[in-house]
Amino acid sequence: MAEPPVIIWEHEVGCLLQYRDLIPRLEDALGKFSKRDSAEVIQPVRTAVPLQKHNGFMGLMPTYMENDGVLTTKFVCFYKREHGSSLPAVQATVVLLDPEYGNVKAVMDGEVITAMRTAAVSAISAKLLMRPGAEILAILGTGKQALSHYNVFVEMFSFKEVRVWSRTRQGVEKFLHSVGGAVKGCGSVEEAVRGADVIVTVTGSTEPVLCGQWVKPGAHVAAVGACRPDWRELDNVLMRDAVVYADSREGAMTESGDIILSGAEVFAELGDVINGTKAAHREKTTVFKSLGMGVEDAVSAKLVFDQWTAQANKL
């Protein structure tokens, strides 16, 4: 008889998941995904169920990694909130199953997993695509994703200056208080991004906030928001001037308004660069369009469960 599922709460996930362990596993997973080998990764494009009354969607993100024995799905609800709303923009739960028996092994809070794996993949994109000697990081947005991106980027890279912008002064002040580091709050997007080597967009915007004319040639942009086909963060100038990379080509062509509405071409997936089948154009302006993938949740959930099991066995 199967054991009852383990419940792993948000604070536990935060203690068990560390970037130093997560990043190499994500790099491996991205490479496996881009090989399109069904024994490595089976991952359909996210199914989105409209929650019209609440101005949101529920996404279902199943993944099966046969060779690794990992079967998961994530339930994620995301919303277009009014500015100043106290309601969460994203809520997520990850379920880990036994692929042989089909029973649920663990149910874990998906907030930390979503925040950390998304930020980690953005950092991988910067590791692969930003110019050597990058000195200035700009973050557009001040929510949970902004914080997770700040944490991993300052852990992995040595920037001389970090800038942040939000639609509200309160958002900037709250972010500065949260990070406690030397971060410059900016009053406009243009002020934040002029001369920046790396730009992270983690906004709830449905219209472009970042204009190509403000982006310095050779900069790297990790675009994380705007995960619907009619939502935008980046303008057409930037999308058409940059070399565009994605986590999933199919996901980008189905879900990314920045790509669909601009008519931009996806040059490569990050996994293609990791596998050595596509070039990393560090000398050019690059955009990494992040949609998030089930395989990222799968390896994260497996890591959390393995760490939880190791700790439980010590007791």
C-alpha atoms as a PDB file:
ATOM      1  CA  MET A   1       0.000   0.000   0.000  1.00  0.00           C
ATOM      2  CA  ALA A   2       1.344   3.432  -0.957  1.00  0.00           C
ATOM      3  CA  GLU A   3       2.542   5.811   1.736  1.00  0.00           C
ATOM      4  CA  PRO A   4       0.380   8.923   2.235  1.00  0.00           C
ATOM      5  CA  PRO A   5       1.745  11.946   0.376  1.00  0.00           C
ATOM      6  CA  VAL A   6       4.210  14.251   2.067  1.00  0.00           C
ATOM      7  CA  ILE A   7       3.096  17.872   2.462  1.00  0.00           C
ATOM      8  CA  ILE A   8       5.973  20.352   2.130  1.00  0.00           C
ATOM      9  CA  TRP A   9       5.069  23.915   3.094  1.00  0.00           C
ATOM     10  CA  GLU A  10       6.437  27.176   1.687  1.00  0.00           C
ATOM     11  CA  HIS A  11       8.932  27.848   4.508  1.00  0.00           C
ATOM     12  CA  GLU A  12      10.284  24.293   4.196  1.00  0.00           C
ATOM     13  CA  VAL A  13      10.726  24.594   0.430  1.00  0.00           C
ATOM     14  CA  GLY A  14      12.621  27.855   0.981  1.00  0.00           C
ATOM     15  CA  CYS A  15      15.030  26.100   3.348  1.00  0.00           C
ATOM     16  CA  LEU A  16      15.529  23.025   1.156  1.00  0.00           C
ATOM     17  CA  LEU A  17      16.081  24.759  -2.209  1.00  0.00           C
ATOM     18  CA  GLN A  18      19.441  26.455  -2.808  1.00  0.00           C
ATOM     19  CA  TYR A  19      20.625  28.056  -6.056  1.00  0.00           C
ATOM     20  CA  ARG A  20      23.988  26.286  -5.943  1.00  0.00           C
ATOM     21  CA  ASP A  21      22.168  22.922  -6.126  1.00  0.00           C
ATOM     22  CA  LEU A  22      19.344  24.047  -8.410  1.00  0.00           C
ATOM     23  CA  ILE A  23      21.237  25.781 -11.231  1.00  0.00           C
ATOM     24  CA  PRO A  24      23.273  22.783 -12.502  1.00  0.00           C
ATOM     25  CA  ARG A  25      20.121  20.637 -12.458  1.00  0.00           C
ATOM     26  CA  LEU A  26      18.227  23.259 -14.450  1.00  0.00           C
ATOM     27  CA  GLU A  27      21.034  23.548 -16.998  1.00  0.00           C
ATOM     28  CA  ASP A  28      20.926  19.780 -17.450  1.00  0.00           C
ATOM     29  CA  ALA A  29      17.107  19.844 -17.767  1.00  0.00           C
ATOM     30  CA  LEU A  30      17.132  22.643 -20.350  1.00  0.00           C
ATOM     31  CA  GLY A  31      19.635  20.701 -22.430  1.00  0.00           C
ATOM     32  CA  LYS A  32      17.572  17.515 -22.207  1.00  0.00           C
ATOM     33  CA  PHE A  33      14.379  19.353 -23.192  1.00  0.00           C
ATOM     34  CA  SER A  34      15.952  20.825 -26.315  1.00  0.00           C
ATOM     35  CA  LYS A  35      17.045  17.385 -27.536  1.00  0.00           C
ATOM     36  CA  ARG A  36      13.340  16.457 -27.939  1.00  0.00           C
ATOM     37  CA  ASP A  37      14.016  12.886 -26.768  1.00  0.00           C
ATOM     38  CA  SER A  38      10.784  11.500 -25.291  1.00  0.00           C
ATOM     39  CA  ALA A  39      12.771   9.215 -22.968  1.00  0.00           C
ATOM     40  CA  GLU A  40      14.340  12.343 -21.447  1.00  0.00           C
ATOM     41  CA  VAL A  41      11.453  14.820 -21.284  1.00  0.00           C
ATOM     42  CA  ILE A  42       7.785  14.773 -22.259  1.00  0.00           C
ATOM     43  CA  GLN A  43       6.321  18.211 -21.657  1.00  0.00           C
ATOM     44  CA  PRO A  44       3.258  19.552 -23.475  1.00  0.00           C
ATOM     45  CA  VAL A  45       2.743  23.289 -23.783  1.00  0.00           C
ATOM     46  CA  ARG A  46       0.995  24.675 -20.710  1.00  0.00           C
ATOM     47  CA  THR A  47      -2.803  24.383 -20.714  1.00  0.00           C
ATOM     48  CA  ALA A  48      -4.449  27.633 -19.622  1.00  0.00           C
ATOM     49  CA  VAL A  49      -8.016  27.700 -18.278  1.00  0.00           C
ATOM     50  CA  PRO A  50      -9.515  31.236 -18.252  1.00  0.00           C
ATOM     51  CA  LEU A  51     -10.848  32.490 -14.912  1.00  0.00           C
ATOM     52  CA  GLN A  52     -12.803  35.328 -16.497  1.00  0.00           C
ATOM     53  CA  LYS A  53     -14.695  36.421 -13.376  1.00  0.00           C
ATOM     54  CA  HIS A  54     -11.372  36.933 -11.583  1.00  0.00           C
ATOM     55  CA  ASN A  55      -9.342  38.264 -14.528  1.00  0.00           C
ATOM     56  CA  GLY A  56      -6.923  35.354 -14.436  1.00  0.00           C
ATOM     57  CA  PHE A  57      -5.958  31.914 -15.683  1.00  0.00           C
ATOM     58  CA  MET A  58      -5.180  28.518 -14.215  1.00  0.00           C
ATOM     59  CA  GLY A  59      -2.223  26.862 -15.901  1.00  0.00           C
ATOM     60  CA  LEU A  60      -1.546  23.108 -15.832  1.00  0.00           C
ATOM     61  CA  MET A  61       2.066  22.079 -16.426  1.00  0.00           C
ATOM     62  CA  PRO A  62       2.646  18.291 -16.490  1.00  0.00           C
ATOM     63  CA  THR A  63       6.075  16.774 -17.139  1.00  0.00           C
ATOM     64  CA  TYR A  64       7.428  13.238 -17.326  1.00  0.00           C
ATOM     65  CA  MET A  65      11.169  12.508 -17.273  1.00  0.00           C
ATOM     66  CA  GLU A  66      11.262   8.783 -17.996  1.00  0.00           C
ATOM     67  CA  ASN A  67      14.988   8.196 -17.620  1.00  0.00           C
ATOM     68  CA  ASP A  68      15.038  10.091 -14.325  1.00  0.00           C
ATOM     69  CA  GLY A  69      11.812   8.565 -13.006  1.00  0.00           C
ATOM     70  CA  VAL A  70      10.212  11.971 -12.358  1.00  0.00           C
ATOM     71  CA  LEU A  71       6.503  12.688 -12.899  1.00  0.00           C
ATOM     72  CA  THR A  72       5.070  16.034 -11.810  1.00  0.00           C
ATOM     73  CA  THR A  73       2.466  18.616 -12.551  1.00  0.00           C
ATOM     74  CA  LYS A  74       2.135  22.193 -11.403  1.00  0.00           C
ATOM     75  CA  PHE A  75      -1.116  24.046 -10.895  1.00  0.00           C
ATOM     76  CA  VAL A  76      -0.512  27.785 -11.217  1.00  0.00           C
ATOM     77  CA  CYS A  77      -3.084  30.561 -11.078  1.00  0.00           C
ATOM     78  CA  PHE A  78      -2.013  33.965 -12.369  1.00  0.00           C
ATOM     79  CA  TYR A  79      -3.981  37.178 -12.488  1.00  0.00           C
ATOM     80  CA  LYS A  80      -3.957  40.635 -13.985  1.00  0.00           C
ATOM     81  CA  ARG A  81      -4.426  42.633 -10.782  1.00  0.00           C
ATOM     82  CA  GLU A  82      -5.323  46.284 -10.393  1.00  0.00           C
ATOM     83  CA  HIS A  83      -2.403  48.446  -9.267  1.00  0.00           C
ATOM     84  CA  GLY A  84      -2.313  48.487  -5.483  1.00  0.00           C
ATOM     85  CA  SER A  85      -4.294  45.237  -5.126  1.00  0.00           C
ATOM     86  CA  SER A  86      -3.487  43.210  -2.008  1.00  0.00           C
ATOM     87  CA  LEU A  87      -4.389  39.950  -3.762  1.00  0.00           C
ATOM     88  CA  PRO A  88      -1.572  37.700  -5.008  1.00  0.00           C
ATOM     89  CA  ALA A  89      -0.711  37.835  -8.714  1.00  0.00           C
ATOM     90  CA  VAL A  90       0.484  34.205  -8.758  1.00  0.00           C
ATOM     91  CA  GLN A  91      -0.296  31.135  -6.641  1.00  0.00           C
ATOM     92  CA  ALA A  92       1.172  27.704  -7.352  1.00  0.00           C
ATOM     93  CA  THR A  93       1.228  24.110  -6.113  1.00  0.00           C
ATOM     94  CA  VAL A  94       3.509  21.321  -7.370  1.00  0.00           C
ATOM     95  CA  VAL A  95       2.534  17.640  -7.158  1.00  0.00           C
ATOM     96  CA  LEU A  96       5.168  14.880  -7.384  1.00  0.00           C
ATOM     97  CA  LEU A  97       3.907  11.418  -8.356  1.00  0.00           C
ATOM     98  CA  ASP A  98       5.309   7.907  -8.556  1.00  0.00           C
ATOM     99  CA  PRO A  99       5.379   7.170 -12.321  1.00  0.00           C
ATOM    100  CA  GLU A 100       5.050   3.390 -11.814  1.00  0.00           C
ATOM    101  CA  TYR A 101       2.177   3.289  -9.312  1.00  0.00           C
ATOM    102  CA  GLY A 102       0.568   6.640 -10.104  1.00  0.00           C
ATOM    103  CA  ASN A 103       0.177   7.677  -6.472  1.00  0.00           C
ATOM    104  CA  VAL A 104       1.013  11.164  -5.178  1.00  0.00           C
ATOM    105  CA  LYS A 105       4.349  11.162  -3.343  1.00  0.00           C
ATOM    106  CA  ALA A 106       4.410  14.812  -2.327  1.00  0.00           C
ATOM    107  CA  VAL A 107       2.389  17.995  -2.531  1.00  0.00           C
ATOM    108  CA  MET A 108       4.510  21.108  -2.140  1.00  0.00           C
ATOM    109  CA  ASP A 109       3.977  24.816  -2.159  1.00  0.00           C
ATOM    110  CA  GLY A 110       4.912  26.125  -5.599  1.00  0.00           C
ATOM    111  CA  GLU A 111       5.552  29.780  -4.754  1.00  0.00           C
ATOM    112  CA  VAL A 112       9.218  29.406  -3.849  1.00  0.00           C
ATOM    113  CA  ILE A 113       9.821  26.824  -6.578  1.00  0.00           C
ATOM    114  CA  THR A 114       8.301  29.120  -9.219  1.00  0.00           C
ATOM    115  CA  ALA A 115      10.215  32.175  -8.012  1.00  0.00           C
ATOM    116  CA  MET A 116      13.575  30.425  -7.677  1.00  0.00           C
ATOM    117  CA  ARG A 117      13.555  28.269 -10.793  1.00  0.00           C
ATOM    118  CA  THR A 118      12.410  31.218 -12.936  1.00  0.00           C
ATOM    119  CA  ALA A 119      15.144  33.470 -11.558  1.00  0.00           C
ATOM    120  CA  ALA A 120      17.730  30.709 -11.877  1.00  0.00           C
ATOM    121  CA  VAL A 121      16.903  30.159 -15.565  1.00  0.00           C
ATOM    122  CA  SER A 122      17.163  33.926 -16.187  1.00  0.00           C
ATOM    123  CA  ALA A 123      20.584  33.829 -14.515  1.00  0.00           C
ATOM    124  CA  ILE A 124      21.573  30.898 -16.748  1.00  0.00           C
ATOM    125  CA  SER A 125      20.524  32.991 -19.767  1.00  0.00           C
ATOM    126  CA  ALA A 126      22.775  35.816 -18.550  1.00  0.00           C
ATOM    127  CA  LYS A 127      25.641  33.402 -17.929  1.00  0.00           C
ATOM    128  CA  LEU A 128      25.342  32.206 -21.533  1.00  0.00           C
ATOM    129  CA  LEU A 129      24.459  35.452 -23.347  1.00  0.00           C
ATOM    130  CA  MET A 130      25.616  38.600 -21.521  1.00  0.00           C
ATOM    131  CA  ARG A 131      28.853  40.278 -22.484  1.00  0.00           C
ATOM    132  CA  PRO A 132      31.910  39.573 -20.320  1.00  0.00           C
ATOM    133  CA  GLY A 133      32.584  42.282 -17.768  1.00  0.00           C
ATOM    134  CA  ALA A 134      28.944  43.308 -17.338  1.00  0.00           C
ATOM    135  CA  GLU A 135      28.733  45.972 -14.630  1.00  0.00           C
ATOM    136  CA  ILE A 136      25.160  47.304 -14.441  1.00  0.00           C
ATOM    137  CA  LEU A 137      22.007  45.291 -13.708  1.00  0.00           C
ATOM    138  CA  ALA A 138      18.536  46.856 -14.063  1.00  0.00           C
ATOM    139  CA  ILE A 139      15.392  45.195 -12.692  1.00  0.00           C
ATOM    140  CA  LEU A 140      11.972  46.408 -13.836  1.00  0.00           C
ATOM    141  CA  GLY A 141       9.401  45.346 -11.245  1.00  0.00           C
ATOM    142  CA  THR A 142       9.542  44.933  -7.469  1.00  0.00           C
ATOM    143  CA  GLY A 143       7.438  41.846  -6.684  1.00  0.00           C
ATOM    144  CA  LYS A 144       8.436  38.311  -5.671  1.00  0.00           C
ATOM    145  CA  GLN A 145      10.096  37.593  -9.007  1.00  0.00           C
ATOM    146  CA  ALA A 146      12.121  40.807  -8.753  1.00  0.00           C
ATOM    147  CA  LEU A 147      13.414  39.726  -5.337  1.00  0.00           C
ATOM    148  CA  SER A 148      14.306  36.205  -6.476  1.00  0.00           C
ATOM    149  CA  HIS A 149      16.073  37.595  -9.551  1.00  0.00           C
ATOM    150  CA  TYR A 150      18.027  40.079  -7.447  1.00  0.00           C
ATOM    151  CA  ASN A 151      19.102  37.302  -5.063  1.00  0.00           C
ATOM    152  CA  VAL A 152      20.407  34.912  -7.710  1.00  0.00           C
ATOM    153  CA  PHE A 153      21.986  37.589  -9.922  1.00  0.00           C
ATOM    154  CA  VAL A 154      24.020  39.090  -7.082  1.00  0.00           C
ATOM    155  CA  GLU A 155      24.951  35.568  -5.917  1.00  0.00           C
ATOM    156  CA  MET A 156      26.192  34.526  -9.376  1.00  0.00           C
ATOM    157  CA  PHE A 157      27.632  37.769 -10.785  1.00  0.00           C
ATOM    158  CA  SER A 158      29.617  40.781  -9.580  1.00  0.00           C
ATOM    159  CA  PHE A 159      27.708  43.865 -10.719  1.00  0.00           C
ATOM    160  CA  LYS A 160      29.045  47.276  -9.724  1.00  0.00           C
ATOM    161  CA  GLU A 161      25.578  48.823  -9.808  1.00  0.00           C
ATOM    162  CA  VAL A 162      22.028  47.480  -9.443  1.00  0.00           C
ATOM    163  CA  ARG A 163      19.025  49.633 -10.372  1.00  0.00           C
ATOM    164  CA  VAL A 164      15.338  48.999  -9.813  1.00  0.00           C
ATOM    165  CA  TRP A 165      12.137  50.580 -11.123  1.00  0.00           C
ATOM    166  CA  SER A 166       8.504  50.168 -10.135  1.00  0.00           C
ATOM    167  CA  ARG A 167       5.288  51.883 -11.149  1.00  0.00           C
ATOM    168  CA  THR A 168       5.037  53.188  -7.582  1.00  0.00           C
ATOM    169  CA  ARG A 169       7.529  54.810  -5.240  1.00  0.00           C
ATOM    170  CA  GLN A 170       6.223  52.533  -2.482  1.00  0.00           C
ATOM    171  CA  GLY A 171       7.167  49.495  -4.558  1.00  0.00           C
ATOM    172  CA  VAL A 172      10.738  50.740  -4.926  1.00  0.00           C
ATOM    173  CA  GLU A 173      11.029  51.586  -1.223  1.00  0.00           C
ATOM    174  CA  LYS A 174       9.674  48.183  -0.171  1.00  0.00           C
ATOM    175  CA  PHE A 175      12.138  46.444  -2.512  1.00  0.00           C
ATOM    176  CA  LEU A 176      15.093  48.476  -1.213  1.00  0.00           C
ATOM    177  CA  HIS A 177      14.108  47.645   2.361  1.00  0.00           C
ATOM    178  CA  SER A 178      13.775  43.925   1.516  1.00  0.00           C
ATOM    179  CA  VAL A 179      17.161  43.477  -0.152  1.00  0.00           C
ATOM    180  CA  GLY A 180      19.158  45.657   2.211  1.00  0.00           C
ATOM    181  CA  GLY A 181      21.904  45.993  -0.390  1.00  0.00           C
ATOM    182  CA  ALA A 182      23.265  48.889  -2.415  1.00  0.00           C
ATOM    183  CA  VAL A 183      20.456  49.306  -4.954  1.00  0.00           C
ATOM    184  CA  LYS A 184      19.507  52.506  -6.754  1.00  0.00           C
ATOM    185  CA  GLY A 185      15.795  53.257  -7.034  1.00  0.00           C
ATOM    186  CA  CYS A 186      14.859  54.905 -10.337  1.00  0.00           C
ATOM    187  CA  GLY A 187      11.954  57.169 -11.180  1.00  0.00           C
ATOM    188  CA  SER A 188      11.528  55.985 -14.777  1.00  0.00           C
ATOM    189  CA  VAL A 189      12.193  52.922 -16.905  1.00  0.00           C
ATOM    190  CA  GLU A 190      14.519  54.925 -19.128  1.00  0.00           C
ATOM    191  CA  GLU A 191      16.591  56.052 -16.134  1.00  0.00           C
ATOM    192  CA  ALA A 192      16.853  52.453 -14.917  1.00  0.00           C
ATOM    193  CA  VAL A 193      17.923  50.880 -18.211  1.00  0.00           C
ATOM    194  CA  ARG A 194      20.130  53.505 -19.930  1.00  0.00           C
ATOM    195  CA  GLY A 195      23.623  52.025 -20.088  1.00  0.00           C
ATOM    196  CA  ALA A 196      22.614  48.789 -18.317  1.00  0.00           C
ATOM    197  CA  ASP A 197      24.409  45.621 -19.391  1.00  0.00           C
ATOM    198  CA  VAL A 198      21.674  43.266 -18.163  1.00  0.00           C
ATOM    199  CA  ILE A 199      17.970  44.117 -17.886  1.00  0.00           C
ATOM    200  CA  VAL A 200      15.414  41.906 -16.148  1.00  0.00           C
ATOM    201  CA  THR A 201      11.721  42.612 -16.806  1.00  0.00           C
ATOM    202  CA  VAL A 202       9.458  41.088 -14.156  1.00  0.00           C
ATOM    203  CA  THR A 203       6.393  43.298 -14.444  1.00  0.00           C
ATOM    204  CA  GLY A 204       2.664  42.672 -14.559  1.00  0.00           C
ATOM    205  CA  SER A 205       2.391  44.838 -17.648  1.00  0.00           C
ATOM    206  CA  THR A 206       0.190  44.011 -20.613  1.00  0.00           C
ATOM    207  CA  GLU A 207       1.640  46.858 -22.728  1.00  0.00           C
ATOM    208  CA  PRO A 208       5.332  47.466 -23.585  1.00  0.00           C
ATOM    209  CA  VAL A 209       7.319  49.150 -20.819  1.00  0.00           C
ATOM    210  CA  LEU A 210      10.842  48.669 -22.243  1.00  0.00           C
ATOM    211  CA  CYS A 211      11.736  50.522 -25.454  1.00  0.00           C
ATOM    212  CA  GLY A 212      14.549  49.363 -27.707  1.00  0.00           C
ATOM    213  CA  GLN A 213      15.846  52.919 -28.152  1.00  0.00           C
ATOM    214  CA  TRP A 214      16.800  52.971 -24.441  1.00  0.00           C
ATOM    215  CA  VAL A 215      18.699  49.648 -24.544  1.00  0.00           C
ATOM    216  CA  LYS A 216      22.418  49.826 -25.107  1.00  0.00           C
ATOM    217  CA  PRO A 217      23.767  47.721 -28.008  1.00  0.00           C
ATOM    218  CA  GLY A 218      25.036  44.389 -26.743  1.00  0.00           C
ATOM    219  CA  ALA A 219      22.848  44.380 -23.628  1.00  0.00           C
ATOM    220  CA  HIS A 220      21.107  41.196 -22.487  1.00  0.00           C
ATOM    221  CA  VAL A 221      17.398  41.284 -21.577  1.00  0.00           C
ATOM    222  CA  ALA A 222      15.711  38.539 -19.549  1.00  0.00           C
ATOM    223  CA  ALA A 223      11.985  39.076 -20.172  1.00  0.00           C
ATOM    224  CA  VAL A 224       9.909  37.212 -17.588  1.00  0.00           C
ATOM    225  CA  GLY A 225       6.479  38.898 -17.474  1.00  0.00           C
ATOM    226  CA  ALA A 226       3.808  39.004 -20.213  1.00  0.00           C
ATOM    227  CA  CYS A 227       3.036  35.281 -20.357  1.00  0.00           C
ATOM    228  CA  ARG A 228      -0.084  35.584 -22.507  1.00  0.00           C
ATOM    229  CA  PRO A 229      -0.295  35.974 -26.307  1.00  0.00           C
ATOM    230  CA  ASP A 230      -1.826  39.461 -26.021  1.00  0.00           C
ATOM    231  CA  TRP A 231       0.431  40.780 -23.200  1.00  0.00           C
ATOM    232  CA  ARG A 232       3.646  42.737 -23.821  1.00  0.00           C
ATOM    233  CA  GLU A 233       6.678  44.037 -21.907  1.00  0.00           C
ATOM    234  CA  LEU A 234       9.060  44.813 -24.785  1.00  0.00           C
ATOM    235  CA  ASP A 235       8.440  47.037 -27.815  1.00  0.00           C
ATOM    236  CA  ASN A 236       8.790  46.043 -31.464  1.00  0.00           C
ATOM    237  CA  VAL A 237      12.073  47.912 -31.910  1.00  0.00           C
ATOM    238  CA  LEU A 238      13.787  45.823 -29.241  1.00  0.00           C
ATOM    239  CA  MET A 239      12.232  42.548 -30.377  1.00  0.00           C
ATOM    240  CA  ARG A 240      13.258  43.089 -34.005  1.00  0.00           C
ATOM    241  CA  ASP A 241      16.780  44.356 -33.257  1.00  0.00           C
ATOM    242  CA  ALA A 242      17.700  41.611 -30.780  1.00  0.00           C
ATOM    243  CA  VAL A 243      18.693  37.989 -31.200  1.00  0.00           C
ATOM    244  CA  VAL A 244      15.823  36.211 -29.448  1.00  0.00           C
ATOM    245  CA  TYR A 245      16.202  33.089 -27.312  1.00  0.00           C
ATOM    246  CA  ALA A 246      13.479  31.191 -25.430  1.00  0.00           C
ATOM    247  CA  ASP A 247      13.159  28.349 -22.941  1.00  0.00           C
ATOM    248  CA  SER A 248      10.689  26.603 -25.284  1.00  0.00           C
ATOM    249  CA  ARG A 249      10.186  27.540 -28.926  1.00  0.00           C
ATOM    250  CA  GLU A 250       6.658  26.059 -28.923  1.00  0.00           C
ATOM    251  CA  GLY A 251       5.783  27.832 -25.691  1.00  0.00           C
ATOM    252  CA  ALA A 252       7.059  31.151 -27.009  1.00  0.00           C
ATOM    253  CA  MET A 253       5.122  30.876 -30.261  1.00  0.00           C
ATOM    254  CA  THR A 254       1.941  29.961 -28.369  1.00  0.00           C
ATOM    255  CA  GLU A 255       2.088  32.168 -25.267  1.00  0.00           C
ATOM    256  CA  SER A 256       4.454  35.126 -25.691  1.00  0.00           C
ATOM    257  CA  GLY A 257       2.803  38.344 -26.866  1.00  0.00           C
ATOM    258  CA  ASP A 258       6.255  39.899 -27.180  1.00  0.00           C
ATOM    259  CA  ILE A 259       7.167  37.330 -29.827  1.00  0.00           C
ATOM    260  CA  ILE A 260       3.776  36.755 -31.491  1.00  0.00           C
ATOM    261  CA  LEU A 261       2.756  40.417 -31.847  1.00  0.00           C
ATOM    262  CA  SER A 262       6.194  41.696 -32.886  1.00  0.00           C
ATOM    263  CA  GLY A 263       6.708  38.971 -35.482  1.00  0.00           C
ATOM    264  CA  ALA A 264      10.171  38.291 -34.026  1.00  0.00           C
ATOM    265  CA  GLU A 265      11.882  35.024 -34.809  1.00  0.00           C
ATOM    266  CA  VAL A 266      13.156  32.726 -32.049  1.00  0.00           C
ATOM    267  CA  PHE A 267      16.779  32.066 -32.924  1.00  0.00           C
ATOM    268  CA  ALA A 268      17.334  29.298 -30.380  1.00  0.00           C
ATOM    269  CA  GLU A 269      16.324  27.750 -27.087  1.00  0.00           C
ATOM    270  CA  LEU A 270      18.671  28.065 -24.119  1.00  0.00           C
ATOM    271  CA  GLY A 271      19.039  24.293 -24.239  1.00  0.00           C
ATOM    272  CA  ASP A 272      20.384  24.548 -27.802  1.00  0.00           C
ATOM    273  CA  VAL A 273      23.147  26.836 -26.537  1.00  0.00           C
ATOM    274  CA  ILE A 274      23.865  24.503 -23.616  1.00  0.00           C
ATOM    275  CA  ASN A 275      24.017  21.541 -26.030  1.00  0.00           C
ATOM    276  CA  GLY A 276      26.340  23.438 -28.390  1.00  0.00           C
ATOM    277  CA  THR A 277      23.963  23.243 -31.352  1.00  0.00           C
ATOM    278  CA  LYS A 278      23.292  27.020 -31.508  1.00  0.00           C
ATOM    279  CA  ALA A 279      25.567  29.994 -30.930  1.00  0.00           C
ATOM    280  CA  ALA A 280      25.539  32.384 -27.988  1.00  0.00           C
ATOM    281  CA  HIS A 281      25.643  35.829 -29.621  1.00  0.00           C
ATOM    282  CA  ARG A 282      27.185  37.685 -26.683  1.00  0.00           C
ATOM    283  CA  GLU A 283      28.366  40.522 -28.912  1.00  0.00           C
ATOM    284  CA  LYS A 284      24.809  41.376 -29.979  1.00  0.00           C
ATOM    285  CA  THR A 285      21.735  42.625 -28.134  1.00  0.00           C
ATOM    286  CA  THR A 286      19.964  39.511 -26.883  1.00  0.00           C
ATOM    287  CA  VAL A 287      16.521  38.830 -25.446  1.00  0.00           C
ATOM    288  CA  PHE A 288      15.713  35.702 -23.474  1.00  0.00           C
ATOM    289  CA  LYS A 289      11.946  35.225 -23.401  1.00  0.00           C
ATOM    290  CA  SER A 290      11.090  33.182 -20.324  1.00  0.00           C
ATOM    291  CA  LEU A 291       7.700  31.478 -20.190  1.00  0.00           C
ATOM    292  CA  GLY A 292       8.562  28.881 -17.558  1.00  0.00           C
ATOM    293  CA  MET A 293       8.461  25.150 -18.202  1.00  0.00           C
ATOM    294  CA  GLY A 294       7.163  22.090 -16.411  1.00  0.00           C
ATOM    295  CA  VAL A 295      10.586  20.442 -16.618  1.00  0.00           C
ATOM    296  CA  GLU A 296      11.989  23.291 -14.499  1.00  0.00           C
ATOM    297  CA  ASP A 297       9.357  22.570 -11.852  1.00  0.00           C
ATOM    298  CA  ALA A 298      10.010  18.830 -12.131  1.00  0.00           C
ATOM    299  CA  VAL A 299      13.731  18.977 -11.346  1.00  0.00           C
ATOM    300  CA  SER A 300      13.087  21.573  -8.624  1.00  0.00           C
ATOM    301  CA  ALA A 301      10.411  19.413  -6.981  1.00  0.00           C
ATOM    302  CA  LYS A 302      12.637  16.328  -7.194  1.00  0.00           C
ATOM    303  CA  LEU A 303      15.453  18.260  -5.511  1.00  0.00           C
ATOM    304  CA  VAL A 304      13.138  19.499  -2.740  1.00  0.00           C
ATOM    305  CA  PHE A 305      11.754  15.985  -2.158  1.00  0.00           C
ATOM    306  CA  ASP A 306      15.221  14.402  -2.102  1.00  0.00           C
ATOM    307  CA  GLN A 307      16.463  17.012   0.381  1.00  0.00           C
ATOM    308  CA  TRP A 308      13.347  16.566   2.541  1.00  0.00           C
ATOM    309  CA  THR A 309      13.801  12.769   2.504  1.00  0.00           C
ATOM    310  CA  ALA A 310      17.486  13.054   3.428  1.00  0.00           C
ATOM    311  CA  GLN A 311      16.634  15.281   6.385  1.00  0.00           C
ATOM    312  CA  ALA A 312      13.779  13.002   7.517  1.00  0.00           C
ATOM    313  CA  ASN A 313      16.098   9.973   7.442  1.00  0.00           C
ATOM    314  CA  LYS A 314      18.506  11.741   9.800  1.00  0.00           C
ATOM    315  CA  LEU A 315      15.824  12.043  12.488  1.00  0.00           C
END
